[in-house]
Amino acid sequence: MKLAEKIHTEGTRLYAYPFRLYVLGCGEGEQERVIISVPKKLFKRAVRRNLIRRRTREAFRHIKGNYPGVSGKHIMLVYVANVILDYGAISDGLGSALGKIP
């Protein structure tokens, strides 16, 4: 089973616009992973999906140090908004999503 499938089936599910968040604790000797998913059903063009992924990755890089609950966990972020949000809105949404992690 791939890691994304495992996180999706076994992980806890949280929601904070514009993300649906799946969190699963790391096993012994595993390195924590962050998976960012932008559905092709919402954005047909790869250029737009990649733009959202880049903005999300950059926002996560900047704010992950502020949330201690992130370390030691696999996280899958699924973008659910049907419009392309600017960096500030993505960063705010990601901050509220990461704040919900137990």
Protein backbone atom coordinates (compact mmCIF):
# COMPACT_ATOMS: atom_id res chain seq x y z
CA MET A 1 0.00 0.00 0.00
CA LYS A 2 1.34 3.41 -0.95
CA LEU A 3 1.89 6.00 1.76
CA ALA A 4 -0.83 8.30 0.39
CA GLU A 5 -3.39 5.48 0.51
CA LYS A 6 -2.33 4.57 4.03
CA ILE A 7 -2.63 8.16 5.25
CA HIS A 8 -6.02 8.50 3.56
CA THR A 9 -7.49 5.30 5.02
CA GLU A 10 -5.90 5.17 8.48
CA GLY A 11 -5.24 8.85 9.22
CA THR A 12 -7.41 11.36 11.03
CA ARG A 13 -9.30 13.80 8.84
CA LEU A 14 -9.40 17.55 9.51
CA TYR A 15 -10.80 20.41 7.47
CA ALA A 16 -9.79 24.06 7.25
CA TYR A 17 -10.58 25.97 4.07
CA PRO A 18 -8.96 25.62 1.51
CA PHE A 19 -7.51 22.28 2.65
CA ARG A 20 -8.66 18.87 3.74
CA LEU A 21 -5.93 17.49 5.96
CA TYR A 22 -5.10 13.86 6.72
CA VAL A 23 -2.66 13.15 9.56
CA LEU A 24 -1.03 9.84 10.49
CA GLY A 25 1.71 9.24 13.05
CA CYS A 26 5.06 8.00 11.76
CA GLY A 27 6.09 4.43 12.48
CA GLU A 28 9.39 3.43 14.01
CA GLY A 29 12.30 4.52 11.81
CA GLU A 30 10.10 6.32 9.26
CA GLN A 31 10.81 9.84 8.11
CA GLU A 32 7.90 12.29 8.19
CA ARG A 33 6.39 13.14 4.82
CA VAL A 34 4.13 15.90 3.51
CA ILE A 35 2.01 15.15 0.44
CA ILE A 36 0.27 17.99 -1.40
CA SER A 37 -2.60 17.01 -3.68
CA VAL A 38 -4.50 19.24 -6.09
CA PRO A 39 -7.28 17.30 -7.85
CA LYS A 40 -7.29 17.18 -11.61
CA LYS A 41 -11.08 17.25 -11.44
CA LEU A 42 -10.94 20.84 -10.11
CA PHE A 43 -8.04 22.15 -12.23
CA LYS A 44 -7.62 20.52 -15.63
CA ARG A 45 -4.41 22.34 -16.55
CA ALA A 46 -1.20 21.13 -14.95
CA VAL A 47 0.18 24.68 -14.86
CA ARG A 48 -2.56 25.72 -12.42
CA ARG A 49 -2.16 22.61 -10.25
CA ASN A 50 1.58 23.20 -10.06
CA LEU A 51 1.07 26.86 -9.12
CA ILE A 52 -1.11 25.84 -6.17
CA ARG A 53 1.40 23.15 -5.12
CA ARG A 54 4.29 25.65 -5.22
CA ARG A 55 2.38 28.20 -3.14
CA THR A 56 1.36 25.55 -0.62
CA ARG A 57 4.87 24.13 -0.37
CA GLU A 58 6.34 27.59 0.22
CA ALA A 59 3.72 28.47 2.84
CA PHE A 60 4.34 25.16 4.64
CA ARG A 61 8.09 25.76 4.60
CA HIS A 62 7.64 29.16 6.25
CA ILE A 63 5.15 28.23 8.97
CA LYS A 64 5.94 24.62 9.94
CA GLY A 65 8.28 25.76 12.75
CA ASN A 66 5.39 27.51 14.52
CA TYR A 67 3.42 24.26 14.95
CA PRO A 68 5.10 21.58 17.09
CA GLY A 69 2.32 19.06 16.34
CA VAL A 70 3.62 18.71 12.78
CA SER A 71 6.84 16.91 13.66
CA GLY A 72 6.75 13.12 13.72
CA LYS A 73 3.64 12.84 11.53
CA HIS A 74 2.81 12.12 7.92
CA ILE A 75 0.56 14.85 6.51
CA MET A 76 -1.47 14.88 3.32
CA LEU A 77 -2.92 18.22 2.20
CA VAL A 78 -5.75 18.11 -0.33
CA TYR A 79 -6.67 21.45 -1.91
CA VAL A 80 -10.48 21.71 -2.04
CA ALA A 81 -11.14 25.29 -3.19
CA ASN A 82 -12.30 25.58 -6.78
CA VAL A 83 -10.43 28.86 -7.39
CA ILE A 84 -6.74 29.67 -7.28
CA LEU A 85 -6.13 31.61 -4.06
CA ASP A 86 -3.24 33.98 -3.54
CA TYR A 87 -0.29 33.12 -1.31
CA GLY A 88 -1.68 34.98 1.73
CA ALA A 89 -4.99 33.10 1.70
CA ILE A 90 -3.24 29.75 1.25
CA SER A 91 -0.83 30.56 4.09
CA ASP A 92 -3.67 31.58 6.42
CA GLY A 93 -5.69 28.45 5.58
CA LEU A 94 -2.67 26.23 6.03
CA GLY A 95 -1.91 27.85 9.39
CA SER A 96 -5.42 27.20 10.66
CA ALA A 97 -5.27 23.61 9.35
CA LEU A 98 -1.93 22.90 11.05
CA GLY A 99 -3.24 24.47 14.27
CA LYS A 100 -5.92 21.78 14.44
CA ILE A 101 -3.41 18.91 14.51
CA PRO A 102 -3.54 17.25 17.95
